C-alpha cells in the first residue's frame, strides 16, 4: 500500500452545495455593490473600504461635508442605500467569480478521506468481508443477514434476513475518522 494513497470515505453534498451557494451569493452581492456605485457615478472593480467611496464623493466641494456633496449632486438617498448595503453585506462581498480551482477546493473541504495505513486497511478489509459474506451466502452457507450488524455497525444487513450484505458507509466513515 502506498503512503500517497487515499480513499474517499465520505462526501458531504449538503456542505458542498451550501459553500458553492455562499460563494455565488458573495459574488452576486459584489456585482450588486459595484452596480449601485456605478449608478452613483463611481466605476470601481472592487470596494476595499467605504472611506475610499466617501472620499470620492467629497471631491466636488472638498471643504464641504459629505452630506452637502451628496445633496448637491442629488444622490443622497441612493448613496445611503449603497452605504447600508455595503455595511450589511461587508463580509459577503466578492468581486471575482467562482473559479474551477476554488470549486475543487470546496469539493476537498467537503470530503473525508482515509489516508493512514490503518484506515486504508480497515476500509479495504470491511469491503472484502462484505464481498466474501455475499459470496458465501450465494454458495449456500446460511448466514443471518438480520444480525450481521452485531459484529460491528459497519456491516449492514436487513431484518428480513435476505441478501445482500452491505457496508454501512456512514458508520465506516465515522469509524475511520475517529481511529486513533
Protein backbone atom coordinates (compact mmCIF):
# COMPACT_ATOMS: atom_id res chain seq x y z
CA UNK A 1 0.00 0.00 0.00
CA UNK A 2 1.43 3.42 -0.96
CA UNK A 3 1.67 6.26 1.54
CA UNK A 4 0.12 8.66 -1.01
CA UNK A 5 -2.98 6.50 -1.49
CA UNK A 6 -6.24 7.74 -0.10
CA UNK A 7 -9.84 6.66 -0.37
CA UNK A 8 -12.84 8.96 -0.32
CA UNK A 9 -14.98 7.64 2.52
CA UNK A 10 -17.49 10.46 2.75
CA UNK A 11 -18.55 13.34 0.54
CA UNK A 12 -20.88 15.80 2.24
CA UNK A 13 -23.00 17.02 -0.66
CA UNK A 14 -25.07 19.34 1.57
CA UNK A 15 -21.95 21.17 2.79
CA UNK A 16 -20.59 21.34 -0.76
CA UNK A 17 -23.83 22.80 -2.12
CA UNK A 18 -24.04 25.31 0.72
CA UNK A 19 -20.46 26.50 0.25
CA UNK A 20 -20.94 26.85 -3.52
CA UNK A 21 -24.13 28.87 -2.95
CA UNK A 22 -22.30 31.01 -0.39
CA UNK A 23 -19.54 31.82 -2.90
CA UNK A 24 -22.12 32.66 -5.58
CA UNK A 25 -24.03 34.89 -3.13
CA UNK A 26 -20.83 36.80 -2.30
CA UNK A 27 -20.08 37.35 -5.99
CA UNK A 28 -23.65 38.44 -6.77
CA UNK A 29 -23.54 40.84 -3.82
CA UNK A 30 -20.24 42.23 -5.11
CA UNK A 31 -21.73 42.80 -8.55
CA UNK A 32 -24.75 44.49 -6.98
CA UNK A 33 -22.49 46.73 -4.89
CA UNK A 34 -20.46 47.78 -7.94
CA UNK A 35 -23.64 48.42 -9.90
CA UNK A 36 -25.03 50.64 -7.14
CA UNK A 37 -21.81 52.67 -7.12
CA UNK A 38 -21.74 52.84 -10.91
CA UNK A 39 -25.20 54.41 -10.86
CA UNK A 40 -23.83 56.99 -8.44
CA UNK A 41 -21.02 57.80 -10.89
CA UNK A 42 -18.23 55.75 -9.31
CA UNK A 43 -16.81 52.98 -11.51
CA UNK A 44 -14.76 50.54 -9.40
CA UNK A 45 -13.66 46.94 -9.75
CA UNK A 46 -13.91 46.27 -6.01
CA UNK A 47 -14.56 48.07 -2.73
CA UNK A 48 -11.88 47.51 -0.09
CA UNK A 49 -13.22 50.05 2.37
CA UNK A 50 -16.03 52.55 2.48
CA UNK A 51 -13.76 55.50 3.33
CA UNK A 52 -12.43 55.50 -0.27
CA UNK A 53 -16.02 55.72 -1.52
CA UNK A 54 -16.73 58.62 0.85
CA UNK A 55 -13.63 60.46 -0.31
CA UNK A 56 -14.68 60.17 -3.95
CA UNK A 57 -18.00 61.88 -3.23
CA UNK A 58 -16.33 64.76 -1.35
CA UNK A 59 -14.35 65.93 -4.40
CA UNK A 60 -16.86 68.41 -5.88
CA UNK A 61 -16.84 70.59 -2.76
CA UNK A 62 -13.76 69.45 -0.82
CA UNK A 63 -14.30 71.85 2.10
CA UNK A 64 -17.96 70.87 2.50
CA UNK A 65 -19.40 67.90 4.34
CA UNK A 66 -20.14 64.61 2.66
CA UNK A 67 -23.84 65.24 3.22
CA UNK A 68 -23.65 68.58 1.39
CA UNK A 69 -21.79 66.98 -1.56
CA UNK A 70 -24.35 64.19 -1.82
CA UNK A 71 -27.30 66.58 -1.67
CA UNK A 72 -25.68 68.95 -4.20
CA UNK A 73 -25.38 66.03 -6.63
CA UNK A 74 -28.88 64.74 -5.85
CA UNK A 75 -27.63 61.30 -4.83
CA UNK A 76 -28.01 61.35 -1.06
CA UNK A 77 -30.80 58.73 -0.91
CA UNK A 78 -29.10 56.35 -3.36
CA UNK A 79 -25.80 56.83 -1.54
CA UNK A 80 -27.41 55.88 1.79
CA UNK A 81 -28.89 52.74 0.21
CA UNK A 82 -25.49 51.74 -1.21
CA UNK A 83 -23.75 52.50 2.09
CA UNK A 84 -26.28 50.45 4.06
CA UNK A 85 -25.90 47.56 1.59
CA UNK A 86 -22.11 47.70 1.94
CA UNK A 87 -22.10 47.61 5.73
CA UNK A 88 -24.84 44.98 5.93
CA UNK A 89 -23.01 42.69 3.47
CA UNK A 90 -19.40 43.69 4.08
CA UNK A 91 -18.32 40.11 4.80
CA UNK A 92 -20.48 38.81 1.96
CA UNK A 93 -18.86 40.69 -0.91
CA UNK A 94 -16.63 39.13 -3.56
CA UNK A 95 -15.61 40.68 -6.84
CA UNK A 96 -14.28 37.68 -8.71
CA UNK A 97 -16.44 34.80 -10.00
CA UNK A 98 -16.17 31.31 -8.59
CA UNK A 99 -13.28 29.56 -10.32
CA UNK A 100 -12.75 25.90 -11.06
CA UNK A 101 -9.80 25.92 -8.62
CA UNK A 102 -12.00 27.29 -5.81
CA UNK A 103 -14.77 24.82 -6.71
CA UNK A 104 -12.28 21.95 -6.40
CA UNK A 105 -11.04 23.35 -3.07
CA UNK A 106 -14.63 23.38 -1.80
CA UNK A 107 -15.05 19.78 -3.02
CA UNK A 108 -11.96 18.82 -0.98
CA UNK A 109 -13.26 20.69 2.09
CA UNK A 110 -16.49 18.68 1.80
CA UNK A 111 -14.70 15.32 1.54
CA UNK A 112 -13.33 12.95 4.14
CA UNK A 113 -10.58 10.57 3.15
CA UNK A 114 -8.95 7.52 4.66
CA UNK A 115 -5.24 8.18 4.29
CA UNK A 116 -3.36 6.47 7.11
CA UNK A 117 -2.35 2.84 6.51
CA UNK A 118 -4.63 1.60 9.30
CA UNK A 119 -7.61 3.48 7.88
CA UNK A 120 -6.97 2.18 4.38
CA UNK A 121 -6.57 -1.38 5.61
CA UNK A 122 -9.82 -1.27 7.62
CA UNK A 123 -11.67 0.22 4.65
CA UNK A 124 -10.41 -2.49 2.30
CA UNK A 125 -11.00 -5.33 4.79
CA UNK A 126 -14.57 -4.28 5.59
CA UNK A 127 -15.42 -4.18 1.88
CA UNK A 128 -13.68 -7.53 1.31
CA UNK A 129 -15.56 -9.13 4.22
CA UNK A 130 -18.89 -7.96 2.81
CA UNK A 131 -17.97 -9.30 -0.63
CA UNK A 132 -16.89 -12.61 0.93
CA UNK A 133 -20.06 -12.88 3.07
CA UNK A 134 -22.24 -12.33 -0.01
CA UNK A 135 -20.23 -14.94 -1.92
CA UNK A 136 -20.52 -17.47 0.95
CA UNK A 137 -24.27 -16.94 1.04
CA UNK A 138 -24.55 -17.42 -2.73
CA UNK A 139 -22.60 -20.67 -2.38
CA UNK A 140 -25.22 -21.94 0.05
CA UNK A 141 -23.90 -21.07 3.53
CA UNK A 142 -26.83 -19.94 5.67
CA UNK A 143 -25.93 -16.54 7.19
CA UNK A 144 -28.13 -14.40 9.41
CA UNK A 145 -28.34 -11.14 7.47
CA UNK A 146 -30.58 -9.54 10.09
CA UNK A 147 -27.95 -9.88 12.82
CA UNK A 148 -24.78 -9.03 10.89
CA UNK A 149 -24.67 -5.56 12.45
CA UNK A 150 -23.95 -7.18 15.86
CA UNK A 151 -20.47 -7.98 14.59
CA UNK A 152 -19.95 -4.27 14.05
CA UNK A 153 -22.23 -1.45 12.89
CA UNK A 154 -20.11 -1.02 9.73
CA UNK A 155 -21.86 -4.13 8.41
CA UNK A 156 -25.40 -3.70 7.20
CA UNK A 157 -27.96 -6.45 6.81
CA UNK A 158 -31.71 -6.27 6.97
CA UNK A 159 -34.46 -7.55 9.21
CA UNK A 160 -35.84 -9.91 6.52
CA UNK A 161 -32.63 -11.93 6.64
CA UNK A 162 -32.08 -11.50 2.90
CA UNK A 163 -29.06 -10.57 0.85
CA UNK A 164 -27.06 -8.65 0.05
CA UNK A 165 -24.92 -7.67 2.98
CA UNK A 166 -23.67 -4.13 2.62
CA UNK A 167 -21.14 -1.80 4.13
CA UNK A 168 -22.78 0.93 6.18
CA UNK A 169 -20.65 3.68 4.63
CA UNK A 170 -21.61 6.46 7.06
CA UNK A 171 -20.65 4.35 10.07
CA UNK A 172 -17.45 3.21 8.37
CA UNK A 173 -16.51 6.85 7.65
CA UNK A 174 -17.13 7.72 11.31
CA UNK A 175 -15.01 4.77 12.48
CA UNK A 176 -12.15 5.74 10.16
CA UNK A 177 -12.24 9.41 11.13
CA UNK A 178 -12.17 8.55 14.86
CA UNK A 179 -9.49 5.88 14.52
CA UNK A 180 -6.62 6.69 16.89
